[in-house]
Amino acid sequence: MRRRAGADDAETALALLVAAQASLATVESLTGGRLAALITAVPGASASYLGGFVTYATALKETLVGVPHAVVDEYGVVSAECARAMALGGREATGATYALATTGVAGPERQEGKPVGTVYVGVAGPGGVSVLSMELVGDRHQIQDRACREALSALCGTVREEQPPLG
C-alpha cells in the first residue's frame, strides 16, 4: 500500500506537538484542505490537532480568520503578508499553540500577477510568526502536495526551535 506524500511529515509534526504538549490549527487557501487531510490521516491526530479553515475565497480569509482588508488591498492574497495574517488569525481564532497557513498559486493560471508555483507558508507560534516563500514547479497537484510537505517541515523546525530539549 502506497503512503500519501507528506504522511511521514505529518507524523513527525504531530509527535513533536504531543511531546511539547502543544496544539495546532490550519488555515488553507491553495492547498484546499489537503494539509488538514494529511494531519488527520495520522492515528491520534486529535491529541494535538484542533481543526482548521479552508479559506479559498478572499472574503473568508477576512471574515473567518481576520485577515485585514488593508493587507489584501495592499499586498494581495498571494503574499507573505497575507500568509502571516492568516497564521496569526488562525492561532487567535482557535487558541492553538501553533497555526499553519498556506496561500499561493497552484495553477493553471497566474493570479495577482504571480506565476504558478508561487507559495507562501505562515507559521505562527508562541515565539512569533515566520513566513516561508517558495517558487515550486509541477502541475497543480504536485504544487499543492509540495506546499503541504514544506508547511509541515516548517512547523517541525519552528516547534524544535521554540521547545527546550527534554532531559
N, C-alpha and C. Protein backbone atom coordinates (compact mmCIF):
# COMPACT_ATOMS: atom_id res chain seq x y z
N MET A 1 0.83 -1.18 0.00
CA MET A 1 0.00 0.00 0.00
C MET A 1 0.88 1.25 0.00
N ARG A 2 0.62 2.17 -0.90
CA ARG A 2 1.41 3.39 -1.04
C ARG A 2 0.92 4.44 -0.05
N ARG A 3 1.89 5.02 0.66
CA ARG A 3 1.55 6.10 1.60
C ARG A 3 1.39 7.40 0.85
N ARG A 4 0.52 8.27 1.36
CA ARG A 4 0.33 9.59 0.76
C ARG A 4 1.57 10.43 0.97
N ALA A 5 1.89 11.26 -0.03
CA ALA A 5 3.01 12.18 0.09
C ALA A 5 2.79 13.06 1.31
N GLY A 6 3.79 13.20 2.14
CA GLY A 6 3.68 14.05 3.31
C GLY A 6 3.25 13.35 4.58
N ALA A 7 2.89 12.05 4.48
CA ALA A 7 2.41 11.33 5.67
C ALA A 7 3.47 11.29 6.76
N ASP A 8 4.73 11.02 6.39
CA ASP A 8 5.80 10.99 7.38
C ASP A 8 5.99 12.36 8.03
N ASP A 9 5.86 13.42 7.21
CA ASP A 9 5.99 14.79 7.74
C ASP A 9 4.89 15.07 8.76
N ALA A 10 3.69 14.63 8.47
CA ALA A 10 2.57 14.83 9.39
C ALA A 10 2.79 14.06 10.68
N GLU A 11 3.26 12.83 10.59
CA GLU A 11 3.54 12.03 11.78
C GLU A 11 4.60 12.69 12.65
N THR A 12 5.66 13.17 12.01
CA THR A 12 6.74 13.84 12.74
C THR A 12 6.23 15.10 13.43
N ALA A 13 5.46 15.90 12.69
CA ALA A 13 4.93 17.15 13.26
C ALA A 13 4.04 16.86 14.46
N LEU A 14 3.17 15.88 14.33
CA LEU A 14 2.26 15.56 15.44
C LEU A 14 3.03 15.01 16.64
N ALA A 15 4.04 14.21 16.40
CA ALA A 15 4.85 13.69 17.51
C ALA A 15 5.55 14.83 18.26
N LEU A 16 6.06 15.79 17.52
CA LEU A 16 6.71 16.96 18.14
C LEU A 16 5.70 17.77 18.95
N LEU A 17 4.51 17.95 18.40
CA LEU A 17 3.47 18.71 19.10
C LEU A 17 3.04 18.00 20.39
N VAL A 18 2.87 16.69 20.33
CA VAL A 18 2.49 15.92 21.52
C VAL A 18 3.58 16.04 22.58
N ALA A 19 4.83 15.89 22.17
CA ALA A 19 5.94 15.99 23.11
C ALA A 19 6.01 17.37 23.76
N ALA A 20 5.63 18.40 23.00
CA ALA A 20 5.65 19.78 23.51
C ALA A 20 4.35 20.15 24.21
N GLN A 21 3.40 19.22 24.25
CA GLN A 21 2.06 19.49 24.80
C GLN A 21 1.46 20.72 24.14
N ALA A 22 1.58 20.75 22.82
CA ALA A 22 1.14 21.89 22.02
C ALA A 22 0.03 21.47 21.07
N SER A 23 -0.73 22.45 20.62
CA SER A 23 -1.83 22.20 19.69
C SER A 23 -1.58 22.94 18.38
N LEU A 24 -2.35 22.52 17.36
CA LEU A 24 -2.17 23.04 16.01
C LEU A 24 -3.51 23.34 15.36
N ALA A 25 -3.54 24.42 14.59
CA ALA A 25 -4.67 24.75 13.71
C ALA A 25 -4.11 25.04 12.33
N THR A 26 -4.93 24.89 11.31
CA THR A 26 -4.51 25.18 9.94
C THR A 26 -5.46 26.19 9.29
N VAL A 27 -4.89 27.00 8.40
CA VAL A 27 -5.66 27.93 7.59
C VAL A 27 -5.14 27.76 6.17
N GLU A 28 -5.98 27.20 5.31
CA GLU A 28 -5.53 26.84 3.97
C GLU A 28 -6.25 27.63 2.89
N SER A 29 -5.48 27.96 1.86
CA SER A 29 -6.05 28.52 0.65
C SER A 29 -5.67 27.59 -0.50
N LEU A 30 -4.47 27.73 -1.05
CA LEU A 30 -4.14 26.94 -2.24
C LEU A 30 -4.14 25.45 -2.01
N THR A 31 -3.95 25.00 -0.78
CA THR A 31 -3.93 23.56 -0.51
C THR A 31 -5.33 22.99 -0.29
N GLY A 32 -6.34 23.82 -0.19
CA GLY A 32 -7.73 23.41 -0.20
C GLY A 32 -8.15 22.30 0.74
N GLY A 33 -7.53 22.20 1.88
CA GLY A 33 -7.89 21.16 2.84
C GLY A 33 -6.95 19.97 2.85
N ARG A 34 -6.01 19.93 1.93
CA ARG A 34 -5.07 18.81 1.87
C ARG A 34 -4.19 18.72 3.10
N LEU A 35 -3.81 19.86 3.63
CA LEU A 35 -2.96 19.87 4.82
C LEU A 35 -3.72 19.25 5.99
N ALA A 36 -4.95 19.65 6.18
CA ALA A 36 -5.77 19.08 7.24
C ALA A 36 -5.97 17.58 7.02
N ALA A 37 -6.17 17.18 5.78
CA ALA A 37 -6.36 15.75 5.48
C ALA A 37 -5.11 14.94 5.81
N LEU A 38 -3.94 15.48 5.49
CA LEU A 38 -2.69 14.78 5.83
C LEU A 38 -2.56 14.61 7.34
N ILE A 39 -2.86 15.66 8.06
CA ILE A 39 -2.72 15.63 9.51
C ILE A 39 -3.71 14.66 10.13
N THR A 40 -4.95 14.72 9.70
CA THR A 40 -5.98 13.88 10.32
C THR A 40 -5.90 12.43 9.86
N ALA A 41 -5.10 12.14 8.85
CA ALA A 41 -4.89 10.75 8.43
C ALA A 41 -4.00 10.00 9.42
N VAL A 42 -3.32 10.73 10.28
CA VAL A 42 -2.43 10.11 11.28
C VAL A 42 -3.26 9.69 12.49
N PRO A 43 -3.22 8.42 12.86
CA PRO A 43 -3.94 7.98 14.06
C PRO A 43 -3.49 8.77 15.29
N GLY A 44 -4.45 9.24 16.06
CA GLY A 44 -4.13 10.02 17.26
C GLY A 44 -3.93 11.50 17.01
N ALA A 45 -4.22 11.96 15.80
CA ALA A 45 -4.03 13.38 15.46
C ALA A 45 -4.78 14.30 16.41
N SER A 46 -5.91 13.81 16.93
CA SER A 46 -6.74 14.66 17.79
C SER A 46 -6.05 15.03 19.09
N ALA A 47 -4.93 14.39 19.42
CA ALA A 47 -4.18 14.77 20.62
C ALA A 47 -3.59 16.17 20.49
N SER A 48 -3.39 16.63 19.24
CA SER A 48 -2.80 17.95 19.04
C SER A 48 -3.54 18.82 18.04
N TYR A 49 -4.19 18.21 17.06
CA TYR A 49 -4.82 18.99 16.01
C TYR A 49 -6.22 19.42 16.41
N LEU A 50 -6.43 20.74 16.46
CA LEU A 50 -7.73 21.29 16.84
C LEU A 50 -8.69 21.37 15.67
N GLY A 51 -8.17 21.69 14.49
CA GLY A 51 -9.01 21.85 13.31
C GLY A 51 -8.47 22.97 12.44
N GLY A 52 -9.26 23.34 11.45
CA GLY A 52 -8.76 24.37 10.55
C GLY A 52 -9.84 25.01 9.71
N PHE A 53 -9.37 25.88 8.86
CA PHE A 53 -10.22 26.67 7.97
C PHE A 53 -9.71 26.48 6.54
N VAL A 54 -10.61 26.28 5.61
CA VAL A 54 -10.26 26.34 4.20
C VAL A 54 -10.84 27.65 3.69
N THR A 55 -9.97 28.63 3.56
CA THR A 55 -10.39 29.98 3.18
C THR A 55 -9.97 30.26 1.74
N TYR A 56 -10.56 29.49 0.85
CA TYR A 56 -10.23 29.60 -0.57
C TYR A 56 -10.63 30.97 -1.11
N ALA A 57 -11.79 31.45 -0.71
CA ALA A 57 -12.26 32.77 -1.17
C ALA A 57 -11.64 33.87 -0.30
N THR A 58 -11.31 34.96 -0.93
CA THR A 58 -10.70 36.09 -0.22
C THR A 58 -11.57 36.56 0.94
N ALA A 59 -12.86 36.65 0.72
CA ALA A 59 -13.77 37.14 1.77
C ALA A 59 -13.69 36.28 3.02
N LEU A 60 -13.49 34.97 2.87
CA LEU A 60 -13.40 34.10 4.04
C LEU A 60 -12.09 34.30 4.80
N LYS A 61 -11.05 34.66 4.10
CA LYS A 61 -9.80 34.98 4.80
C LYS A 61 -10.03 36.14 5.76
N GLU A 62 -10.81 37.09 5.31
CA GLU A 62 -11.10 38.27 6.13
C GLU A 62 -12.10 37.95 7.24
N THR A 63 -13.20 37.27 6.91
CA THR A 63 -14.26 37.09 7.91
C THR A 63 -13.97 35.96 8.90
N LEU A 64 -13.36 34.87 8.47
CA LEU A 64 -13.14 33.74 9.37
C LEU A 64 -11.87 33.85 10.22
N VAL A 65 -10.80 34.38 9.63
CA VAL A 65 -9.55 34.44 10.39
C VAL A 65 -8.99 35.85 10.53
N GLY A 66 -9.78 36.83 10.13
CA GLY A 66 -9.42 38.22 10.42
C GLY A 66 -8.27 38.81 9.63
N VAL A 67 -8.03 38.32 8.41
CA VAL A 67 -7.01 38.97 7.58
C VAL A 67 -7.52 40.39 7.30
N PRO A 68 -6.74 41.40 7.65
CA PRO A 68 -7.21 42.77 7.43
C PRO A 68 -7.42 43.08 5.94
N HIS A 69 -8.52 43.75 5.64
CA HIS A 69 -8.81 44.13 4.26
C HIS A 69 -7.66 44.95 3.68
N ALA A 70 -7.02 45.75 4.52
CA ALA A 70 -5.89 46.57 4.06
C ALA A 70 -4.73 45.70 3.56
N VAL A 71 -4.52 44.55 4.18
CA VAL A 71 -3.46 43.63 3.73
C VAL A 71 -3.81 43.09 2.35
N VAL A 72 -5.05 42.69 2.17
CA VAL A 72 -5.50 42.18 0.88
C VAL A 72 -5.37 43.27 -0.19
N ASP A 73 -5.81 44.47 0.12
CA ASP A 73 -5.74 45.57 -0.84
C ASP A 73 -4.31 45.92 -1.22
N GLU A 74 -3.44 45.99 -0.23
CA GLU A 74 -2.07 46.44 -0.49
C GLU A 74 -1.18 45.35 -1.07
N TYR A 75 -1.28 44.14 -0.55
CA TYR A 75 -0.34 43.07 -0.93
C TYR A 75 -0.97 41.94 -1.73
N GLY A 76 -2.29 41.79 -1.65
CA GLY A 76 -2.97 40.68 -2.31
C GLY A 76 -3.00 39.45 -1.40
N VAL A 77 -3.73 38.44 -1.85
CA VAL A 77 -3.82 37.21 -1.05
C VAL A 77 -2.65 36.28 -1.33
N VAL A 78 -1.97 36.48 -2.44
CA VAL A 78 -0.78 35.70 -2.75
C VAL A 78 0.42 36.52 -2.32
N SER A 79 0.65 36.52 -1.01
CA SER A 79 1.73 37.35 -0.46
C SER A 79 2.17 36.82 0.90
N ALA A 80 3.38 37.18 1.25
CA ALA A 80 3.90 36.84 2.58
C ALA A 80 3.06 37.49 3.66
N GLU A 81 2.62 38.71 3.40
CA GLU A 81 1.83 39.44 4.39
C GLU A 81 0.50 38.75 4.66
N CYS A 82 -0.12 38.22 3.62
CA CYS A 82 -1.38 37.51 3.80
C CYS A 82 -1.15 36.19 4.54
N ALA A 83 -0.09 35.46 4.20
CA ALA A 83 0.22 34.20 4.90
C ALA A 83 0.45 34.47 6.39
N ARG A 84 1.15 35.55 6.69
CA ARG A 84 1.40 35.94 8.08
C ARG A 84 0.08 36.22 8.81
N ALA A 85 -0.78 37.00 8.18
CA ALA A 85 -2.06 37.36 8.79
C ALA A 85 -2.96 36.13 8.95
N MET A 86 -2.93 35.22 7.98
CA MET A 86 -3.72 34.00 8.07
C MET A 86 -3.27 33.15 9.25
N ALA A 87 -1.96 32.98 9.40
CA ALA A 87 -1.43 32.16 10.50
C ALA A 87 -1.76 32.79 11.85
N LEU A 88 -1.56 34.08 11.97
CA LEU A 88 -1.89 34.76 13.23
C LEU A 88 -3.38 34.66 13.53
N GLY A 89 -4.20 34.86 12.51
CA GLY A 89 -5.65 34.79 12.68
C GLY A 89 -6.12 33.40 13.05
N GLY A 90 -5.53 32.39 12.45
CA GLY A 90 -5.89 31.01 12.77
C GLY A 90 -5.54 30.65 14.20
N ARG A 91 -4.41 31.13 14.64
CA ARG A 91 -3.99 30.87 16.03
C ARG A 91 -4.94 31.57 17.00
N GLU A 92 -5.27 32.79 16.70
CA GLU A 92 -6.17 33.54 17.57
C GLU A 92 -7.58 32.96 17.58
N ALA A 93 -8.08 32.58 16.41
CA ALA A 93 -9.45 32.07 16.31
C ALA A 93 -9.65 30.75 17.03
N THR A 94 -8.59 29.95 17.11
CA THR A 94 -8.73 28.60 17.69
C THR A 94 -8.10 28.45 19.07
N GLY A 95 -7.22 29.35 19.43
CA GLY A 95 -6.49 29.21 20.68
C GLY A 95 -5.37 28.19 20.61
N ALA A 96 -5.02 27.77 19.39
CA ALA A 96 -3.95 26.78 19.21
C ALA A 96 -2.59 27.38 19.56
N THR A 97 -1.70 26.51 19.97
CA THR A 97 -0.32 26.92 20.24
C THR A 97 0.36 27.37 18.95
N TYR A 98 0.11 26.61 17.88
CA TYR A 98 0.69 26.90 16.57
C TYR A 98 -0.40 26.92 15.52
N ALA A 99 -0.18 27.72 14.48
CA ALA A 99 -1.07 27.71 13.32
C ALA A 99 -0.23 27.73 12.06
N LEU A 100 -0.65 26.94 11.10
CA LEU A 100 -0.01 26.87 9.79
C LEU A 100 -0.96 27.44 8.75
N ALA A 101 -0.44 28.28 7.86
CA ALA A 101 -1.26 28.85 6.80
C ALA A 101 -0.59 28.65 5.45
N THR A 102 -1.40 28.37 4.43
CA THR A 102 -0.88 28.23 3.07
C THR A 102 -1.67 29.12 2.12
N THR A 103 -0.94 29.83 1.27
CA THR A 103 -1.56 30.64 0.23
C THR A 103 -0.62 30.68 -0.96
N GLY A 104 -1.17 30.85 -2.14
CA GLY A 104 -0.32 30.89 -3.33
C GLY A 104 -1.09 30.58 -4.58
N VAL A 105 -0.35 30.19 -5.61
CA VAL A 105 -0.92 29.92 -6.92
C VAL A 105 -0.58 28.49 -7.33
N ALA A 106 -1.59 27.61 -7.34
CA ALA A 106 -1.38 26.23 -7.76
C ALA A 106 -1.58 26.05 -9.26
N GLY A 107 -2.19 27.03 -9.90
CA GLY A 107 -2.38 26.95 -11.34
C GLY A 107 -3.80 26.55 -11.70
N PRO A 108 -4.12 26.55 -12.93
CA PRO A 108 -3.21 26.56 -14.07
C PRO A 108 -2.79 27.96 -14.55
N GLU A 109 -3.38 29.02 -13.99
CA GLU A 109 -3.07 30.37 -14.47
C GLU A 109 -2.48 31.24 -13.37
N ARG A 110 -1.80 32.30 -13.78
CA ARG A 110 -1.26 33.29 -12.85
C ARG A 110 -2.40 33.88 -12.02
N GLN A 111 -2.06 34.38 -10.85
CA GLN A 111 -3.04 35.08 -10.00
C GLN A 111 -2.34 36.30 -9.42
N GLU A 112 -3.03 37.42 -9.47
CA GLU A 112 -2.47 38.68 -8.96
C GLU A 112 -1.10 38.97 -9.56
N GLY A 113 -0.91 38.56 -10.81
CA GLY A 113 0.35 38.80 -11.49
C GLY A 113 1.47 37.86 -11.06
N LYS A 114 1.18 36.92 -10.17
CA LYS A 114 2.21 36.00 -9.67
C LYS A 114 2.14 34.69 -10.46
N PRO A 115 3.31 34.13 -10.77
CA PRO A 115 3.32 32.90 -11.57
C PRO A 115 2.86 31.67 -10.80
N VAL A 116 2.40 30.68 -11.54
CA VAL A 116 2.06 29.39 -10.97
C VAL A 116 3.28 28.87 -10.20
N GLY A 117 3.03 28.36 -9.01
CA GLY A 117 4.10 27.83 -8.17
C GLY A 117 4.55 28.78 -7.08
N THR A 118 4.05 30.02 -7.10
CA THR A 118 4.35 30.96 -6.02
C THR A 118 3.56 30.53 -4.79
N VAL A 119 4.26 30.25 -3.71
CA VAL A 119 3.62 29.75 -2.50
C VAL A 119 4.20 30.44 -1.27
N TYR A 120 3.32 30.72 -0.32
CA TYR A 120 3.74 31.29 0.97
C TYR A 120 3.14 30.43 2.07
N VAL A 121 3.97 30.11 3.06
CA VAL A 121 3.54 29.33 4.21
C VAL A 121 3.82 30.18 5.45
N GLY A 122 2.79 30.41 6.25
CA GLY A 122 2.95 31.13 7.50
C GLY A 122 2.90 30.15 8.66
N VAL A 123 3.78 30.36 9.63
CA VAL A 123 3.81 29.55 10.86
C VAL A 123 3.77 30.52 12.03
N ALA A 124 2.70 30.47 12.81
CA ALA A 124 2.57 31.32 13.99
C ALA A 124 2.65 30.44 15.23
N GLY A 125 3.40 30.91 16.20
CA GLY A 125 3.54 30.18 17.46
C GLY A 125 3.83 31.14 18.59
N PRO A 126 4.13 30.61 19.75
CA PRO A 126 4.39 31.45 20.91
C PRO A 126 5.56 32.42 20.70
N GLY A 127 6.50 32.04 19.87
CA GLY A 127 7.67 32.88 19.64
C GLY A 127 7.51 33.88 18.52
N GLY A 128 6.33 33.93 17.91
CA GLY A 128 6.11 34.88 16.82
C GLY A 128 5.64 34.17 15.57
N VAL A 129 5.81 34.84 14.45
CA VAL A 129 5.34 34.30 13.17
C VAL A 129 6.46 34.40 12.14
N SER A 130 6.57 33.37 11.32
CA SER A 130 7.53 33.40 10.23
C SER A 130 6.81 33.00 8.94
N VAL A 131 7.38 33.40 7.82
CA VAL A 131 6.80 33.08 6.53
C VAL A 131 7.88 32.51 5.62
N LEU A 132 7.54 31.39 5.01
CA LEU A 132 8.40 30.74 4.04
C LEU A 132 7.87 31.07 2.65
N SER A 133 8.73 31.59 1.78
CA SER A 133 8.36 31.92 0.40
C SER A 133 8.99 30.89 -0.52
N MET A 134 8.20 30.38 -1.47
CA MET A 134 8.71 29.35 -2.38
C MET A 134 8.24 29.60 -3.81
N GLU A 135 9.03 29.11 -4.74
CA GLU A 135 8.66 29.05 -6.15
C GLU A 135 8.73 27.58 -6.51
N LEU A 136 7.59 26.91 -6.54
CA LEU A 136 7.53 25.47 -6.79
C LEU A 136 7.24 25.19 -8.26
N VAL A 137 7.66 24.02 -8.72
CA VAL A 137 7.39 23.62 -10.10
C VAL A 137 6.54 22.35 -10.08
N GLY A 138 5.80 22.18 -11.15
CA GLY A 138 4.97 20.99 -11.29
C GLY A 138 3.56 21.37 -11.66
N ASP A 139 2.71 20.34 -11.72
CA ASP A 139 1.32 20.61 -12.01
C ASP A 139 0.60 21.01 -10.72
N ARG A 140 -0.67 21.30 -10.83
CA ARG A 140 -1.47 21.77 -9.69
C ARG A 140 -1.36 20.83 -8.49
N HIS A 141 -1.53 19.54 -8.74
CA HIS A 141 -1.49 18.54 -7.68
C HIS A 141 -0.10 18.51 -7.01
N GLN A 142 0.94 18.53 -7.81
CA GLN A 142 2.31 18.49 -7.28
C GLN A 142 2.62 19.73 -6.44
N ILE A 143 2.17 20.88 -6.89
CA ILE A 143 2.41 22.13 -6.15
C ILE A 143 1.67 22.08 -4.81
N GLN A 144 0.43 21.62 -4.81
CA GLN A 144 -0.32 21.53 -3.56
C GLN A 144 0.32 20.54 -2.59
N ASP A 145 0.73 19.38 -3.09
CA ASP A 145 1.37 18.38 -2.23
C ASP A 145 2.69 18.90 -1.66
N ARG A 146 3.49 19.53 -2.50
CA ARG A 146 4.78 20.05 -2.04
C ARG A 146 4.56 21.17 -1.02
N ALA A 147 3.57 22.00 -1.24
CA ALA A 147 3.26 23.07 -0.28
C ALA A 147 2.91 22.47 1.09
N CYS A 148 2.15 21.38 1.09
CA CYS A 148 1.81 20.72 2.36
C CYS A 148 3.05 20.18 3.05
N ARG A 149 3.90 19.51 2.29
CA ARG A 149 5.14 18.96 2.89
C ARG A 149 6.02 20.06 3.45
N GLU A 150 6.16 21.14 2.70
CA GLU A 150 7.00 22.26 3.15
C GLU A 150 6.40 22.93 4.38
N ALA A 151 5.08 23.03 4.43
CA ALA A 151 4.41 23.63 5.58
C ALA A 151 4.68 22.78 6.83
N LEU A 152 4.54 21.48 6.71
CA LEU A 152 4.78 20.59 7.86
C LEU A 152 6.24 20.63 8.28
N SER A 153 7.14 20.70 7.32
CA SER A 153 8.56 20.81 7.63
C SER A 153 8.86 22.12 8.37
N ALA A 154 8.25 23.20 7.91
CA ALA A 154 8.45 24.50 8.58
C ALA A 154 7.91 24.46 10.00
N LEU A 155 6.76 23.81 10.19
CA LEU A 155 6.20 23.67 11.54
C LEU A 155 7.16 22.89 12.42
N CYS A 156 7.69 21.79 11.92
CA CYS A 156 8.63 20.97 12.70
C CYS A 156 9.84 21.81 13.13
N GLY A 157 10.38 22.58 12.21
CA GLY A 157 11.52 23.43 12.53
C GLY A 157 11.19 24.45 13.61
N THR A 158 10.02 25.04 13.51
CA THR A 158 9.60 26.04 14.49
C THR A 158 9.40 25.41 15.86
N VAL A 159 8.72 24.29 15.92
CA VAL A 159 8.48 23.62 17.21
C VAL A 159 9.81 23.22 17.83
N ARG A 160 10.72 22.68 17.04
CA ARG A 160 12.05 22.30 17.56
C ARG A 160 12.80 23.50 18.11
N GLU A 161 12.72 24.63 17.42
CA GLU A 161 13.39 25.86 17.87
C GLU A 161 12.80 26.39 19.17
N GLU A 162 11.48 26.35 19.27
CA GLU A 162 10.81 27.01 20.39
C GLU A 162 10.70 26.14 21.65
N GLN A 163 10.81 24.84 21.49
CA GLN A 163 10.65 23.95 22.65
C GLN A 163 12.02 23.55 23.18
N PRO A 164 12.23 23.64 24.49
CA PRO A 164 13.50 23.23 25.06
C PRO A 164 13.68 21.71 24.93
N PRO A 165 14.93 21.27 24.74
CA PRO A 165 15.15 19.83 24.64
C PRO A 165 14.78 19.13 25.95
N LEU A 166 14.32 17.90 25.82
CA LEU A 166 13.97 17.12 27.01
C LEU A 166 15.22 16.65 27.72
N GLY A 167 15.12 16.52 29.04
CA GLY A 167 16.23 15.97 29.82
C GLY A 167 17.12 17.00 30.26
